[in-house]
Amino acid sequence: MEKILIVGCKKAMDDVCIGCSRCMVGFNRREGEFAAYKDQQAELIGLLNCGDCPGATIVTRLAQVNLWNKPMDEKVTKIHVGPCITDHCPYKDVIINKIKAKSGIEVIEGAHPYKPDNIFA
């Protein structure tokens, strides 16, 4: 079974994206990049922010997720980087490269497909 961790932008998660509901709905519906799990068992193990610009604490935060889940015998198997980073962050490459270099697991760029062209439509 896949155990999914979603990493998003601290500023977006704290101020813009209410409860990161679009990522969670996308996962539950298996839409967007989560469609890869349509025919398999997968669980969302957590939502984690990048630690703020320029992603200086992302590695420490990932280590904490691993440490805190260890007593429950839960281990992240895939990391999805949300569109708040992949589509909008000037530090996108730095953050994603740090995650790839230190996590040792597959990193998928993207999550939900719900990106309106016009917020007033």
PDB file of N, CA and C in Angstrom:
ATOM      1  N   MET A   1       0.841  -1.185   0.000  1.00  0.00           N
ATOM      2  CA  MET A   1       0.000   0.000   0.000  1.00  0.00           C
ATOM      3  C   MET A   1       0.882   1.241   0.000  1.00  0.00           C
ATOM      4  N   GLU A   2       0.518   2.192  -0.837  1.00  0.00           N
ATOM      5  CA  GLU A   2       1.251   3.456  -0.874  1.00  0.00           C
ATOM      6  C   GLU A   2       0.808   4.348   0.288  1.00  0.00           C
ATOM      7  N   LYS A   3       1.777   5.030   0.884  1.00  0.00           N
ATOM      8  CA  LYS A   3       1.540   5.993   1.964  1.00  0.00           C
ATOM      9  C   LYS A   3       2.025   7.344   1.450  1.00  0.00           C
ATOM     10  N   ILE A   4       1.078   8.246   1.221  1.00  0.00           N
ATOM     11  CA  ILE A   4       1.345   9.493   0.519  1.00  0.00           C
ATOM     12  C   ILE A   4       1.496  10.665   1.487  1.00  0.00           C
ATOM     13  N   LEU A   5       2.549  11.439   1.275  1.00  0.00           N
ATOM     14  CA  LEU A   5       2.746  12.701   1.981  1.00  0.00           C
ATOM     15  C   LEU A   5       2.666  13.809   0.939  1.00  0.00           C
ATOM     16  N   ILE A   6       1.899  14.846   1.256  1.00  0.00           N
ATOM     17  CA  ILE A   6       1.803  16.005   0.364  1.00  0.00           C
ATOM     18  C   ILE A   6       2.596  17.145   0.985  1.00  0.00           C
ATOM     19  N   VAL A   7       3.474  17.749   0.202  1.00  0.00           N
ATOM     20  CA  VAL A   7       4.251  18.912   0.643  1.00  0.00           C
ATOM     21  C   VAL A   7       3.725  20.134  -0.107  1.00  0.00           C
ATOM     22  N   GLY A   8       3.409  21.176   0.653  1.00  0.00           N
ATOM     23  CA  GLY A   8       2.901  22.401   0.062  1.00  0.00           C
ATOM     24  C   GLY A   8       3.633  23.623   0.579  1.00  0.00           C
ATOM     25  N   CYS A   9       3.267  24.754   0.034  1.00  0.00           N
ATOM     26  CA  CYS A   9       3.848  26.044   0.403  1.00  0.00           C
ATOM     27  C   CYS A   9       3.316  26.505   1.754  1.00  0.00           C
ATOM     28  N   LYS A  10       4.202  26.878   2.649  1.00  0.00           N
ATOM     29  CA  LYS A  10       3.780  27.339   3.978  1.00  0.00           C
ATOM     30  C   LYS A  10       2.854  28.539   3.886  1.00  0.00           C
ATOM     31  N   LYS A  11       3.208  29.489   3.056  1.00  0.00           N
ATOM     32  CA  LYS A  11       2.382  30.691   2.944  1.00  0.00           C
ATOM     33  C   LYS A  11       0.988  30.359   2.401  1.00  0.00           C
ATOM     34  N   ALA A  12       0.927  29.518   1.391  1.00  0.00           N
ATOM     35  CA  ALA A  12      -0.371  29.141   0.831  1.00  0.00           C
ATOM     36  C   ALA A  12      -1.174  28.317   1.828  1.00  0.00           C
ATOM     37  N   MET A  13      -0.534  27.384   2.492  1.00  0.00           N
ATOM     38  CA  MET A  13      -1.238  26.516   3.423  1.00  0.00           C
ATOM     39  C   MET A  13      -1.751  27.299   4.634  1.00  0.00           C
ATOM     40  N   ASP A  14      -1.013  28.294   5.058  1.00  0.00           N
ATOM     41  CA  ASP A  14      -1.426  29.076   6.225  1.00  0.00           C
ATOM     42  C   ASP A  14      -2.436  30.171   5.884  1.00  0.00           C
ATOM     43  N   ASP A  15      -2.334  30.729   4.698  1.00  0.00           N
ATOM     44  CA  ASP A  15      -3.110  31.930   4.399  1.00  0.00           C
ATOM     45  C   ASP A  15      -4.111  31.808   3.257  1.00  0.00           C
ATOM     46  N   VAL A  16      -3.884  30.916   2.315  1.00  0.00           N
ATOM     47  CA  VAL A  16      -4.699  30.894   1.105  1.00  0.00           C
ATOM     48  C   VAL A  16      -5.548  29.630   0.998  1.00  0.00           C
ATOM     49  N   CYS A  17      -4.919  28.501   1.086  1.00  0.00           N
ATOM     50  CA  CYS A  17      -5.596  27.227   0.831  1.00  0.00           C
ATOM     51  C   CYS A  17      -6.237  26.729   2.115  1.00  0.00           C
ATOM     52  N   ILE A  18      -7.523  26.822   2.188  1.00  0.00           N
ATOM     53  CA  ILE A  18      -8.245  26.481   3.407  1.00  0.00           C
ATOM     54  C   ILE A  18      -8.199  24.974   3.635  1.00  0.00           C
ATOM     55  N   GLY A  19      -7.393  24.576   4.607  1.00  0.00           N
ATOM     56  CA  GLY A  19      -7.293  23.164   4.956  1.00  0.00           C
ATOM     57  C   GLY A  19      -6.749  22.297   3.844  1.00  0.00           C
ATOM     58  N   CYS A  20      -6.183  22.924   2.836  1.00  0.00           N
ATOM     59  CA  CYS A  20      -5.642  22.199   1.679  1.00  0.00           C
ATOM     60  C   CYS A  20      -6.666  21.217   1.137  1.00  0.00           C
ATOM     61  N   SER A  21      -7.909  21.639   1.123  1.00  0.00           N
ATOM     62  CA  SER A  21      -9.006  20.751   0.727  1.00  0.00           C
ATOM     63  C   SER A  21      -8.894  20.268  -0.707  1.00  0.00           C
ATOM     64  N   ARG A  22      -8.351  21.072  -1.602  1.00  0.00           N
ATOM     65  CA  ARG A  22      -8.245  20.625  -2.988  1.00  0.00           C
ATOM     66  C   ARG A  22      -7.303  19.430  -3.113  1.00  0.00           C
ATOM     67  N   CYS A  23      -6.189  19.442  -2.390  1.00  0.00           N
ATOM     68  CA  CYS A  23      -5.292  18.282  -2.419  1.00  0.00           C
ATOM     69  C   CYS A  23      -5.995  17.052  -1.849  1.00  0.00           C
ATOM     70  N   MET A  24      -6.706  17.232  -0.764  1.00  0.00           N
ATOM     71  CA  MET A  24      -7.379  16.096  -0.134  1.00  0.00           C
ATOM     72  C   MET A  24      -8.517  15.561  -1.005  1.00  0.00           C
ATOM     73  N   VAL A  25      -9.299  16.446  -1.600  1.00  0.00           N
ATOM     74  CA  VAL A  25     -10.375  16.006  -2.491  1.00  0.00           C
ATOM     75  C   VAL A  25      -9.784  15.302  -3.712  1.00  0.00           C
ATOM     76  N   GLY A  26      -8.736  15.865  -4.278  1.00  0.00           N
ATOM     77  CA  GLY A  26      -8.079  15.234  -5.423  1.00  0.00           C
ATOM     78  C   GLY A  26      -7.583  13.839  -5.085  1.00  0.00           C
ATOM     79  N   PHE A  27      -7.007  13.683  -3.893  1.00  0.00           N
ATOM     80  CA  PHE A  27      -6.544  12.360  -3.472  1.00  0.00           C
ATOM     81  C   PHE A  27      -7.732  11.409  -3.305  1.00  0.00           C
ATOM     82  N   ASN A  28      -8.763  11.852  -2.590  1.00  0.00           N
ATOM     83  CA  ASN A  28      -9.926  10.985  -2.354  1.00  0.00           C
ATOM     84  C   ASN A  28     -10.601  10.561  -3.651  1.00  0.00           C
ATOM     85  N   ARG A  29     -10.635  11.458  -4.621  1.00  0.00           N
ATOM     86  CA  ARG A  29     -11.265  11.155  -5.916  1.00  0.00           C
ATOM     87  C   ARG A  29     -10.304  10.480  -6.887  1.00  0.00           C
ATOM     88  N   ARG A  30      -9.014  10.458  -6.533  1.00  0.00           N
ATOM     89  CA  ARG A  30      -7.965   9.919  -7.399  1.00  0.00           C
ATOM     90  C   ARG A  30      -7.935  10.663  -8.727  1.00  0.00           C
ATOM     91  N   GLU A  31      -7.913  11.988  -8.621  1.00  0.00           N
ATOM     92  CA  GLU A  31      -7.844  12.847  -9.799  1.00  0.00           C
ATOM     93  C   GLU A  31      -6.518  13.594  -9.821  1.00  0.00           C
ATOM     94  N   GLY A  32      -6.191  14.161 -10.965  1.00  0.00           N
ATOM     95  CA  GLY A  32      -4.904  14.841 -11.126  1.00  0.00           C
ATOM     96  C   GLY A  32      -3.780  13.819 -11.063  1.00  0.00           C
ATOM     97  N   GLU A  33      -2.688  14.172 -10.428  1.00  0.00           N
ATOM     98  CA  GLU A  33      -1.552  13.252 -10.302  1.00  0.00           C
ATOM     99  C   GLU A  33      -1.878  12.072  -9.394  1.00  0.00           C
ATOM    100  N   PHE A  34      -2.953  12.177  -8.612  1.00  0.00           N
ATOM    101  CA  PHE A  34      -3.370  11.065  -7.755  1.00  0.00           C
ATOM    102  C   PHE A  34      -4.078   9.962  -8.534  1.00  0.00           C
ATOM    103  N   ALA A  35      -4.370  10.186  -9.814  1.00  0.00           N
ATOM    104  CA  ALA A  35      -5.001   9.159 -10.646  1.00  0.00           C
ATOM    105  C   ALA A  35      -4.128   7.909 -10.740  1.00  0.00           C
ATOM    106  N   ALA A  36      -2.855   8.043 -10.494  1.00  0.00           N
ATOM    107  CA  ALA A  36      -1.942   6.899 -10.521  1.00  0.00           C
ATOM    108  C   ALA A  36      -2.318   5.842  -9.481  1.00  0.00           C
ATOM    109  N   TYR A  37      -3.077   6.230  -8.467  1.00  0.00           N
ATOM    110  CA  TYR A  37      -3.470   5.305  -7.398  1.00  0.00           C
ATOM    111  C   TYR A  37      -4.897   4.790  -7.555  1.00  0.00           C
ATOM    112  N   LYS A  38      -5.498   5.032  -8.709  1.00  0.00           N
ATOM    113  CA  LYS A  38      -6.908   4.709  -8.934  1.00  0.00           C
ATOM    114  C   LYS A  38      -7.226   3.235  -8.672  1.00  0.00           C
ATOM    115  N   ASP A  39      -6.366   2.353  -9.085  1.00  0.00           N
ATOM    116  CA  ASP A  39      -6.630   0.919  -8.957  1.00  0.00           C
ATOM    117  C   ASP A  39      -5.765   0.247  -7.896  1.00  0.00           C
ATOM    118  N   GLN A  40      -5.348   1.004  -6.894  1.00  0.00           N
ATOM    119  CA  GLN A  40      -4.547   0.405  -5.829  1.00  0.00           C
ATOM    120  C   GLN A  40      -4.880   1.031  -4.485  1.00  0.00           C
ATOM    121  N   GLN A  41      -4.459   0.365  -3.452  1.00  0.00           N
ATOM    122  CA  GLN A  41      -4.669   0.901  -2.117  1.00  0.00           C
ATOM    123  C   GLN A  41      -3.617   1.969  -1.836  1.00  0.00           C
ATOM    124  N   ALA A  42      -4.091   3.102  -1.361  1.00  0.00           N
ATOM    125  CA  ALA A  42      -3.194   4.204  -1.003  1.00  0.00           C
ATOM    126  C   ALA A  42      -3.852   5.006   0.105  1.00  0.00           C
ATOM    127  N   GLU A  43      -3.043   5.520   1.003  1.00  0.00           N
ATOM    128  CA  GLU A  43      -3.536   6.353   2.094  1.00  0.00           C
ATOM    129  C   GLU A  43      -2.759   7.652   2.133  1.00  0.00           C
ATOM    130  N   LEU A  44      -3.447   8.684   2.519  1.00  0.00           N
ATOM    131  CA  LEU A  44      -2.795   9.971   2.748  1.00  0.00           C
ATOM    132  C   LEU A  44      -2.265   9.954   4.175  1.00  0.00           C
ATOM    133  N   ILE A  45      -0.944  10.038   4.318  1.00  0.00           N
ATOM    134  CA  ILE A  45      -0.327   9.945   5.632  1.00  0.00           C
ATOM    135  C   ILE A  45      -0.110  11.322   6.261  1.00  0.00           C
ATOM    136  N   GLY A  46      -0.137  12.382   5.425  1.00  0.00           N
ATOM    137  CA  GLY A  46       0.012  13.703   5.999  1.00  0.00           C
ATOM    138  C   GLY A  46       0.146  14.808   4.969  1.00  0.00           C
ATOM    139  N   LEU A  47      -0.003  16.021   5.492  1.00  0.00           N
ATOM    140  CA  LEU A  47       0.227  17.253   4.736  1.00  0.00           C
ATOM    141  C   LEU A  47       1.332  17.991   5.471  1.00  0.00           C
ATOM    142  N   LEU A  48       2.336  18.427   4.758  1.00  0.00           N
ATOM    143  CA  LEU A  48       3.484  19.083   5.367  1.00  0.00           C
ATOM    144  C   LEU A  48       3.800  20.336   4.584  1.00  0.00           C
ATOM    145  N   ASN A  49       4.077  21.435   5.296  1.00  0.00           N
ATOM    146  CA  ASN A  49       4.492  22.626   4.549  1.00  0.00           C
ATOM    147  C   ASN A  49       6.009  22.632   4.412  1.00  0.00           C
ATOM    148  N   CYS A  50       6.483  23.459   3.512  1.00  0.00           N
ATOM    149  CA  CYS A  50       7.907  23.500   3.169  1.00  0.00           C
ATOM    150  C   CYS A  50       8.782  24.117   4.257  1.00  0.00           C
ATOM    151  N   GLY A  51       8.170  24.763   5.233  1.00  0.00           N
ATOM    152  CA  GLY A  51       8.938  25.400   6.295  1.00  0.00           C
ATOM    153  C   GLY A  51       9.196  26.873   6.046  1.00  0.00           C
ATOM    154  N   ASP A  52       8.647  27.408   4.987  1.00  0.00           N
ATOM    155  CA  ASP A  52       8.762  28.815   4.585  1.00  0.00           C
ATOM    156  C   ASP A  52       9.934  29.018   3.634  1.00  0.00           C
ATOM    157  N   CYS A  53       9.914  30.138   2.967  1.00  0.00           N
ATOM    158  CA  CYS A  53      10.914  30.475   1.958  1.00  0.00           C
ATOM    159  C   CYS A  53      12.300  30.565   2.587  1.00  0.00           C
ATOM    160  N   PRO A  54      13.263  30.047   1.905  1.00  0.00           N
ATOM    161  CA  PRO A  54      13.290  29.337   0.626  1.00  0.00           C
ATOM    162  C   PRO A  54      13.284  27.817   0.780  1.00  0.00           C
ATOM    163  N   GLY A  55      12.499  27.288   1.691  1.00  0.00           N
ATOM    164  CA  GLY A  55      12.459  25.846   1.916  1.00  0.00           C
ATOM    165  C   GLY A  55      13.639  25.362   2.741  1.00  0.00           C
ATOM    166  N   ALA A  56      14.175  26.261   3.576  1.00  0.00           N
ATOM    167  CA  ALA A  56      15.391  25.966   4.330  1.00  0.00           C
ATOM    168  C   ALA A  56      15.225  24.819   5.327  1.00  0.00           C
ATOM    169  N   THR A  57      13.996  24.575   5.797  1.00  0.00           N
ATOM    170  CA  THR A  57      13.804  23.525   6.810  1.00  0.00           C
ATOM    171  C   THR A  57      13.066  22.297   6.281  1.00  0.00           C
ATOM    172  N   ILE A  58      12.911  22.170   4.979  1.00  0.00           N
ATOM    173  CA  ILE A  58      12.146  21.042   4.442  1.00  0.00           C
ATOM    174  C   ILE A  58      12.767  19.703   4.826  1.00  0.00           C
ATOM    175  N   VAL A  59      14.068  19.581   4.818  1.00  0.00           N
ATOM    176  CA  VAL A  59      14.722  18.315   5.157  1.00  0.00           C
ATOM    177  C   VAL A  59      14.466  17.961   6.620  1.00  0.00           C
ATOM    178  N   THR A  60      14.592  18.938   7.509  1.00  0.00           N
ATOM    179  CA  THR A  60      14.314  18.702   8.923  1.00  0.00           C
ATOM    180  C   THR A  60      12.865  18.312   9.137  1.00  0.00           C
ATOM    181  N   ARG A  61      11.954  18.966   8.439  1.00  0.00           N
ATOM    182  CA  ARG A  61      10.528  18.668   8.576  1.00  0.00           C
ATOM    183  C   ARG A  61      10.218  17.249   8.079  1.00  0.00           C
ATOM    184  N   LEU A  62      10.857  16.831   6.986  1.00  0.00           N
ATOM    185  CA  LEU A  62      10.672  15.464   6.496  1.00  0.00           C
ATOM    186  C   LEU A  62      11.188  14.446   7.517  1.00  0.00           C
ATOM    187  N   ALA A  63      12.323  14.741   8.126  1.00  0.00           N
ATOM    188  CA  ALA A  63      12.875  13.850   9.146  1.00  0.00           C
ATOM    189  C   ALA A  63      11.916  13.742  10.336  1.00  0.00           C
ATOM    190  N   GLN A  64      11.284  14.846  10.699  1.00  0.00           N
ATOM    191  CA  GLN A  64      10.325  14.821  11.801  1.00  0.00           C
ATOM    192  C   GLN A  64       9.122  13.946  11.461  1.00  0.00           C
ATOM    193  N   VAL A  65       8.625  14.033  10.238  1.00  0.00           N
ATOM    194  CA  VAL A  65       7.500  13.186   9.819  1.00  0.00           C
ATOM    195  C   VAL A  65       7.883  11.724   9.993  1.00  0.00           C
ATOM    196  N   ASN A  66       9.071  11.375   9.533  1.00  0.00           N
ATOM    197  CA  ASN A  66       9.548   9.999   9.654  1.00  0.00           C
ATOM    198  C   ASN A  66       9.663   9.587  11.121  1.00  0.00           C
ATOM    199  N   LEU A  67      10.255  10.429  11.935  1.00  0.00           N
ATOM    200  CA  LEU A  67      10.444  10.141  13.357  1.00  0.00           C
ATOM    201  C   LEU A  67       9.113  10.007  14.090  1.00  0.00           C
ATOM    202  N   TRP A  68       8.196  10.940  13.851  1.00  0.00           N
ATOM    203  CA  TRP A  68       6.919  10.937  14.560  1.00  0.00           C
ATOM    204  C   TRP A  68       6.027   9.771  14.161  1.00  0.00           C
ATOM    205  N   ASN A  69       6.171   9.271  12.933  1.00  0.00           N
ATOM    206  CA  ASN A  69       5.348   8.156  12.478  1.00  0.00           C
ATOM    207  C   ASN A  69       5.959   6.792  12.775  1.00  0.00           C
ATOM    208  N   LYS A  70       7.216   6.770  13.165  1.00  0.00           N
ATOM    209  CA  LYS A  70       7.906   5.511  13.420  1.00  0.00           C
ATOM    210  C   LYS A  70       7.231   4.660  14.504  1.00  0.00           C
ATOM    211  N   PRO A  71       6.799   5.237  15.644  1.00  0.00           N
ATOM    212  CA  PRO A  71       6.148   4.405  16.664  1.00  0.00           C
ATOM    213  C   PRO A  71       4.853   3.740  16.172  1.00  0.00           C
ATOM    214  N   MET A  72       4.244   4.295  15.150  1.00  0.00           N
ATOM    215  CA  MET A  72       3.010   3.732  14.592  1.00  0.00           C
ATOM    216  C   MET A  72       3.312   2.795  13.430  1.00  0.00           C
ATOM    217  N   ASP A  73       4.600   2.611  13.138  1.00  0.00           N
ATOM    218  CA  ASP A  73       5.047   1.787  12.024  1.00  0.00           C
ATOM    219  C   ASP A  73       4.468   2.263  10.694  1.00  0.00           C
ATOM    220  N   GLU A  74       4.434   3.580  10.518  1.00  0.00           N
ATOM    221  CA  GLU A  74       3.969   4.203   9.277  1.00  0.00           C
ATOM    222  C   GLU A  74       5.167   4.837   8.588  1.00  0.00           C
ATOM    223  N   LYS A  75       5.284   4.573   7.294  1.00  0.00           N
ATOM    224  CA  LYS A  75       6.409   5.124   6.547  1.00  0.00           C
ATOM    225  C   LYS A  75       5.912   5.671   5.214  1.00  0.00           C
ATOM    226  N   VAL A  76       6.292   6.903   4.919  1.00  0.00           N
ATOM    227  CA  VAL A  76       5.938   7.539   3.654  1.00  0.00           C
ATOM    228  C   VAL A  76       6.600   6.768   2.511  1.00  0.00           C
ATOM    229  N   THR A  77       5.802   6.481   1.472  1.00  0.00           N
ATOM    230  CA  THR A  77       6.354   5.782   0.310  1.00  0.00           C
ATOM    231  C   THR A  77       6.428   6.672  -0.928  1.00  0.00           C
ATOM    232  N   LYS A  78       5.627   7.737  -0.955  1.00  0.00           N
ATOM    233  CA  LYS A  78       5.650   8.686  -2.076  1.00  0.00           C
ATOM    234  C   LYS A  78       5.372  10.087  -1.536  1.00  0.00           C
ATOM    235  N   ILE A  79       6.024  11.059  -2.137  1.00  0.00           N
ATOM    236  CA  ILE A  79       5.795  12.458  -1.773  1.00  0.00           C
ATOM    237  C   ILE A  79       5.264  13.193  -2.998  1.00  0.00           C
ATOM    238  N   HIS A  80       4.124  13.845  -2.814  1.00  0.00           N
ATOM    239  CA  HIS A  80       3.567  14.699  -3.866  1.00  0.00           C
ATOM    240  C   HIS A  80       3.843  16.146  -3.476  1.00  0.00           C
ATOM    241  N   VAL A  81       4.346  16.925  -4.404  1.00  0.00           N
ATOM    242  CA  VAL A  81       4.581  18.349  -4.180  1.00  0.00           C
ATOM    243  C   VAL A  81       3.411  19.094  -4.812  1.00  0.00           C
ATOM    244  N   GLY A  82       2.680  19.823  -3.977  1.00  0.00           N
ATOM    245  CA  GLY A  82       1.459  20.484  -4.410  1.00  0.00           C
ATOM    246  C   GLY A  82       1.683  21.594  -5.423  1.00  0.00           C
ATOM    247  N   PRO A  83       0.606  21.947  -6.139  1.00  0.00           N
ATOM    248  CA  PRO A  83       0.695  23.004  -7.143  1.00  0.00           C
ATOM    249  C   PRO A  83       1.025  24.375  -6.558  1.00  0.00           C
ATOM    250  N   CYS A  84       0.806  24.560  -5.264  1.00  0.00           N
ATOM    251  CA  CYS A  84       1.196  25.828  -4.641  1.00  0.00           C
ATOM    252  C   CYS A  84       2.711  26.017  -4.718  1.00  0.00           C
ATOM    253  N   ILE A  85       3.450  24.918  -4.842  1.00  0.00           N
ATOM    254  CA  ILE A  85       4.899  24.991  -5.055  1.00  0.00           C
ATOM    255  C   ILE A  85       5.219  24.816  -6.537  1.00  0.00           C
ATOM    256  N   THR A  86       4.704  23.770  -7.156  1.00  0.00           N
ATOM    257  CA  THR A  86       5.102  23.460  -8.540  1.00  0.00           C
ATOM    258  C   THR A  86       4.700  24.532  -9.533  1.00  0.00           C
ATOM    259  N   ASP A  87       3.584  25.233  -9.272  1.00  0.00           N
ATOM    260  CA  ASP A  87       3.096  26.234 -10.227  1.00  0.00           C
ATOM    261  C   ASP A  87       3.424  27.673  -9.854  1.00  0.00           C
ATOM    262  N   HIS A  88       3.798  27.927  -8.598  1.00  0.00           N
ATOM    263  CA  HIS A  88       3.882  29.324  -8.152  1.00  0.00           C
ATOM    264  C   HIS A  88       5.139  29.708  -7.379  1.00  0.00           C
ATOM    265  N   CYS A  89       5.940  28.748  -6.974  1.00  0.00           N
ATOM    266  CA  CYS A  89       7.043  29.057  -6.059  1.00  0.00           C
ATOM    267  C   CYS A  89       8.344  29.367  -6.799  1.00  0.00           C
ATOM    268  N   PRO A  90       8.972  30.502  -6.480  1.00  0.00           N
ATOM    269  CA  PRO A  90      10.269  30.805  -7.108  1.00  0.00           C
ATOM    270  C   PRO A  90      11.387  29.880  -6.609  1.00  0.00           C
ATOM    271  N   TYR A  91      11.148  29.156  -5.500  1.00  0.00           N
ATOM    272  CA  TYR A  91      12.137  28.232  -4.936  1.00  0.00           C
ATOM    273  C   TYR A  91      11.801  26.778  -5.259  1.00  0.00           C
ATOM    274  N   LYS A  92      10.894  26.574  -6.187  1.00  0.00           N
ATOM    275  CA  LYS A  92      10.420  25.236  -6.566  1.00  0.00           C
ATOM    276  C   LYS A  92      11.568  24.252  -6.760  1.00  0.00           C
ATOM    277  N   ASP A  93      12.525  24.593  -7.612  1.00  0.00           N
ATOM    278  CA  ASP A  93      13.606  23.658  -7.924  1.00  0.00           C
ATOM    279  C   ASP A  93      14.466  23.349  -6.702  1.00  0.00           C
ATOM    280  N   VAL A  94      14.735  24.346  -5.892  1.00  0.00           N
ATOM    281  CA  VAL A  94      15.538  24.151  -4.674  1.00  0.00           C
ATOM    282  C   VAL A  94      14.814  23.183  -3.733  1.00  0.00           C
ATOM    283  N   ILE A  95      13.534  23.428  -3.504  1.00  0.00           N
ATOM    284  CA  ILE A  95      12.756  22.598  -2.587  1.00  0.00           C
ATOM    285  C   ILE A  95      12.662  21.164  -3.104  1.00  0.00           C
ATOM    286  N   ILE A  96      12.289  21.005  -4.354  1.00  0.00           N
ATOM    287  CA  ILE A  96      12.127  19.662  -4.920  1.00  0.00           C
ATOM    288  C   ILE A  96      13.455  18.916  -4.940  1.00  0.00           C
ATOM    289  N   ASN A  97      14.538  19.586  -5.284  1.00  0.00           N
ATOM    290  CA  ASN A  97      15.846  18.928  -5.294  1.00  0.00           C
ATOM    291  C   ASN A  97      16.268  18.491  -3.896  1.00  0.00           C
ATOM    292  N   LYS A  98      15.982  19.292  -2.875  1.00  0.00           N
ATOM    293  CA  LYS A  98      16.296  18.894  -1.492  1.00  0.00           C
ATOM    294  C   LYS A  98      15.489  17.665  -1.098  1.00  0.00           C
ATOM    295  N   ILE A  99      14.207  17.667  -1.431  1.00  0.00           N
ATOM    296  CA  ILE A  99      13.353  16.523  -1.088  1.00  0.00           C
ATOM    297  C   ILE A  99      13.876  15.264  -1.778  1.00  0.00           C
ATOM    298  N   LYS A 100      14.177  15.355  -3.062  1.00  0.00           N
ATOM    299  CA  LYS A 100      14.677  14.200  -3.813  1.00  0.00           C
ATOM    300  C   LYS A 100      16.013  13.706  -3.261  1.00  0.00           C
ATOM    301  N   ALA A 101      16.885  14.628  -2.921  1.00  0.00           N
ATOM    302  CA  ALA A 101      18.222  14.257  -2.454  1.00  0.00           C
ATOM    303  C   ALA A 101      18.200  13.588  -1.090  1.00  0.00           C
ATOM    304  N   LYS A 102      17.300  13.995  -0.226  1.00  0.00           N
ATOM    305  CA  LYS A 102      17.334  13.514   1.153  1.00  0.00           C
ATOM    306  C   LYS A 102      16.256  12.500   1.530  1.00  0.00           C
ATOM    307  N   SER A 103      15.163  12.433   0.763  1.00  0.00           N
ATOM    308  CA  SER A 103      14.077  11.538   1.183  1.00  0.00           C
ATOM    309  C   SER A 103      14.332  10.085   0.799  1.00  0.00           C
ATOM    310  N   GLY A 104      14.982   9.868  -0.333  1.00  0.00           N
ATOM    311  CA  GLY A 104      15.222   8.507  -0.768  1.00  0.00           C
ATOM    312  C   GLY A 104      13.993   7.804  -1.316  1.00  0.00           C
ATOM    313  N   ILE A 105      12.924   8.562  -1.554  1.00  0.00           N
ATOM    314  CA  ILE A 105      11.706   7.970  -2.109  1.00  0.00           C
ATOM    315  C   ILE A 105      11.238   8.792  -3.302  1.00  0.00           C
ATOM    316  N   GLU A 106      10.283   8.226  -4.045  1.00  0.00           N
ATOM    317  CA  GLU A 106       9.802   8.899  -5.248  1.00  0.00           C
ATOM    318  C   GLU A 106       9.095  10.207  -4.915  1.00  0.00           C
ATOM    319  N   VAL A 107       9.410  11.236  -5.682  1.00  0.00           N
ATOM    320  CA  VAL A 107       8.793  12.547  -5.537  1.00  0.00           C
ATOM    321  C   VAL A 107       8.013  12.846  -6.815  1.00  0.00           C
ATOM    322  N   ILE A 108       6.735  13.147  -6.643  1.00  0.00           N
ATOM    323  CA  ILE A 108       5.867  13.446  -7.776  1.00  0.00           C
ATOM    324  C   ILE A 108       5.532  14.928  -7.735  1.00  0.00           C
ATOM    325  N   GLU A 109       5.781  15.620  -8.833  1.00  0.00           N
ATOM    326  CA  GLU A 109       5.484  17.048  -8.909  1.00  0.00           C
ATOM    327  C   GLU A 109       4.034  17.230  -9.327  1.00  0.00           C
ATOM    328  N   GLY A 110       3.202  17.606  -8.379  1.00  0.00           N
ATOM    329  CA  GLY A 110       1.794  17.847  -8.645  1.00  0.00           C
ATOM    330  C   GLY A 110       0.899  17.062  -7.713  1.00  0.00           C
ATOM    331  N   ALA A 111      -0.351  17.492  -7.671  1.00  0.00           N
ATOM    332  CA  ALA A 111      -1.334  16.851  -6.808  1.00  0.00           C
ATOM    333  C   ALA A 111      -2.707  16.945  -7.477  1.00  0.00           C
ATOM    334  N   HIS A 112      -3.507  17.931  -7.094  1.00  0.00           N
ATOM    335  CA  HIS A 112      -4.872  18.055  -7.610  1.00  0.00           C
ATOM    336  C   HIS A 112      -4.911  18.790  -8.953  1.00  0.00           C
ATOM    337  N   PRO A 113      -6.015  18.600  -9.705  1.00  0.00           N
ATOM    338  CA  PRO A 113      -6.154  19.270 -11.001  1.00  0.00           C
ATOM    339  C   PRO A 113      -7.024  20.526 -10.951  1.00  0.00           C
ATOM    340  N   TYR A 114      -7.385  20.975  -9.778  1.00  0.00           N
ATOM    341  CA  TYR A 114      -8.388  22.038  -9.643  1.00  0.00           C
ATOM    342  C   TYR A 114      -7.734  23.416  -9.632  1.00  0.00           C
ATOM    343  N   LYS A 115      -7.358  23.897 -10.817  1.00  0.00           N
ATOM    344  CA  LYS A 115      -6.651  25.163 -10.939  1.00  0.00           C
ATOM    345  C   LYS A 115      -7.459  26.081 -11.857  1.00  0.00           C
ATOM    346  N   PRO A 116      -8.303  26.911 -11.289  1.00  0.00           N
ATOM    347  CA  PRO A 116      -9.163  27.759 -12.139  1.00  0.00           C
ATOM    348  C   PRO A 116      -8.354  28.786 -12.919  1.00  0.00           C
ATOM    349  N   ASP A 117      -8.784  29.020 -14.154  1.00  0.00           N
ATOM    350  CA  ASP A 117      -8.157  30.050 -14.975  1.00  0.00           C
ATOM    351  C   ASP A 117      -8.565  31.439 -14.519  1.00  0.00           C
ATOM    352  N   ASN A 118      -9.784  31.544 -14.018  1.00  0.00           N
ATOM    353  CA  ASN A 118     -10.332  32.830 -13.627  1.00  0.00           C
ATOM    354  C   ASN A 118     -11.053  32.657 -12.297  1.00  0.00           C
ATOM    355  N   ILE A 119     -10.584  33.330 -11.256  1.00  0.00           N
ATOM    356  CA  ILE A 119     -11.171  33.131  -9.929  1.00  0.00           C
ATOM    357  C   ILE A 119     -12.579  33.711  -9.823  1.00  0.00           C
ATOM    358  N   PHE A 120     -12.992  34.522 -10.793  1.00  0.00           N
ATOM    359  CA  PHE A 120     -14.322  35.104 -10.750  1.00  0.00           C
ATOM    360  C   PHE A 120     -15.311  34.398 -11.661  1.00  0.00           C
ATOM    361  N   ALA A 121     -14.890  33.279 -12.248  1.00  0.00           N
ATOM    362  CA  ALA A 121     -15.767  32.532 -13.158  1.00  0.00           C
ATOM    363  C   ALA A 121     -16.762  31.701 -12.377  1.00  0.00           C
TER     364      ALA A 121
END
